[in-house]
Amino acid sequence: MISSMYKTKFEADGFEVLIADNGVIGLELSKKFKPDIIMLDVILPQLDGFSVLEEIKKDQATKNIPVIMLTNLGTAEDKKKGETMGALDYLVKASLTPGQISEKIKKALKM
């Protein structure tokens, strides 16, 4: 349900959106489509977001794709871990509206 809400907002703002139901599919989609940016939750079935981020950053084909962590895990430790692992930004869903997140994506993509 939350993914659908973000998808609707991002598409309304002109983005093409792919959604993965779990970390394994997300990793496969990142390798197949090489998106301009990846929004990545930490809590995912099958493969958590930190593991997905690690795999994205060690693969030559995907390592330069900007990744923004978008999650409800808002501890300073989680944020530091994401940024240390190569995330461009670490956003807490509860702190931002979909519109604010869309603006951060545009800024990251220099739109």
Protein backbone atom coordinates (compact mmCIF):
# COMPACT_ATOMS: atom_id res chain seq x y z
CA MET A 1 0.00 0.00 0.00
CA ILE A 2 2.76 2.46 0.90
CA SER A 3 4.70 1.56 -2.25
CA SER A 4 1.61 2.29 -4.33
CA MET A 5 1.21 5.70 -2.68
CA TYR A 6 4.81 6.64 -3.47
CA LYS A 7 4.53 5.23 -7.00
CA THR A 8 1.45 7.36 -7.68
CA LYS A 9 3.15 10.52 -6.40
CA PHE A 10 6.43 9.90 -8.21
CA GLU A 11 4.68 9.11 -11.50
CA ALA A 12 2.59 12.27 -11.15
CA ASP A 13 5.90 14.13 -10.83
CA GLY A 14 7.15 12.62 -14.09
CA PHE A 15 9.22 9.68 -12.86
CA GLU A 16 9.06 6.18 -14.31
CA VAL A 17 8.79 3.84 -11.33
CA LEU A 18 9.62 0.17 -10.84
CA ILE A 19 8.65 -1.52 -7.57
CA ALA A 20 10.19 -4.65 -6.09
CA ASP A 21 8.33 -6.64 -3.46
CA ASN A 22 11.53 -7.87 -1.85
CA GLY A 23 15.27 -7.27 -1.77
CA VAL A 24 16.16 -10.05 -4.19
CA ILE A 25 13.82 -8.70 -6.87
CA GLY A 26 15.05 -5.17 -6.20
CA LEU A 27 18.63 -6.24 -6.75
CA GLU A 28 17.67 -8.05 -9.97
CA LEU A 29 15.80 -4.98 -11.26
CA SER A 30 18.73 -2.71 -10.46
CA LYS A 31 21.06 -4.91 -12.53
CA LYS A 32 18.62 -5.33 -15.41
CA PHE A 33 17.37 -1.74 -15.77
CA LYS A 34 20.17 0.34 -14.19
CA PRO A 35 17.78 3.08 -12.99
CA ASP A 36 18.79 6.70 -12.56
CA ILE A 37 18.18 6.43 -8.81
CA ILE A 38 17.12 3.77 -6.32
CA MET A 39 14.85 4.33 -3.33
CA LEU A 40 15.59 1.52 -0.89
CA ASP A 41 13.87 0.47 2.32
CA VAL A 42 15.88 -1.28 5.02
CA ILE A 43 13.23 -3.75 6.11
CA LEU A 44 12.59 -6.02 3.12
CA PRO A 45 11.69 -9.69 2.75
CA GLN A 46 14.35 -12.16 1.58
CA LEU A 47 17.25 -9.67 1.50
CA ASP A 48 17.34 -6.58 3.71
CA GLY A 49 18.08 -3.11 2.34
CA PHE A 50 21.60 -2.91 3.76
CA SER A 51 22.48 -6.16 1.99
CA VAL A 52 20.94 -4.88 -1.25
CA LEU A 53 22.91 -1.64 -0.91
CA GLU A 54 26.12 -3.59 -0.33
CA GLU A 55 25.55 -5.68 -3.47
CA ILE A 56 24.66 -2.62 -5.58
CA LYS A 57 27.82 -0.81 -4.51
CA LYS A 58 30.18 -3.71 -5.18
CA ASP A 59 28.83 -4.42 -8.68
CA GLN A 60 30.67 -2.43 -11.38
CA ALA A 61 27.44 -2.14 -13.40
CA THR A 62 25.43 -0.56 -10.58
CA LYS A 63 27.89 1.00 -8.14
CA ASN A 64 27.41 4.54 -9.48
CA ILE A 65 23.60 4.51 -9.23
CA PRO A 66 22.61 6.90 -6.43
CA VAL A 67 20.72 5.13 -3.64
CA ILE A 68 18.49 6.92 -1.18
CA MET A 69 17.45 4.88 1.84
CA LEU A 70 13.77 5.50 2.60
CA THR A 71 12.79 3.72 5.78
CA ASN A 72 11.21 3.99 9.19
CA LEU A 73 14.42 2.96 10.96
CA GLY A 74 15.55 6.35 12.12
CA THR A 75 18.34 5.71 14.60
CA ALA A 76 21.58 7.60 14.19
CA GLU A 77 23.36 4.23 13.95
CA ASP A 78 21.17 3.09 11.03
CA LYS A 79 21.62 6.40 9.24
CA LYS A 80 25.39 6.29 9.68
CA LYS A 81 25.49 2.68 8.47
CA GLY A 82 23.57 3.56 5.30
CA GLU A 83 25.72 6.56 4.51
CA THR A 84 28.95 4.66 5.27
CA MET A 85 27.83 1.91 2.91
CA GLY A 86 27.37 4.42 0.10
CA ALA A 87 23.80 5.69 0.32
CA LEU A 88 23.43 9.22 -1.04
CA ASP A 89 20.88 10.05 1.65
CA TYR A 90 18.97 8.35 4.46
CA LEU A 91 15.38 9.50 4.87
CA VAL A 92 12.85 8.53 7.53
CA LYS A 93 9.40 8.05 5.98
CA ALA A 94 7.53 9.35 9.01
CA SER A 95 9.43 12.65 8.90
CA LEU A 96 8.67 13.57 5.27
CA THR A 97 5.72 13.74 2.90
CA PRO A 98 5.87 12.02 -0.49
CA GLY A 99 6.13 15.51 -2.02
CA GLN A 100 9.19 16.34 0.06
CA ILE A 101 10.78 13.02 -0.89
CA SER A 102 10.06 13.72 -4.56
CA GLU A 103 11.85 17.06 -4.22
CA LYS A 104 14.88 15.31 -2.71
CA ILE A 105 14.93 12.91 -5.66
CA LYS A 106 14.78 15.82 -8.11
CA LYS A 107 17.63 17.51 -6.29
CA ALA A 108 19.70 14.31 -6.32
CA LEU A 109 19.09 13.97 -10.06
CA LYS A 110 19.68 17.70 -10.58
CA MET A 111 16.26 18.20 -12.17
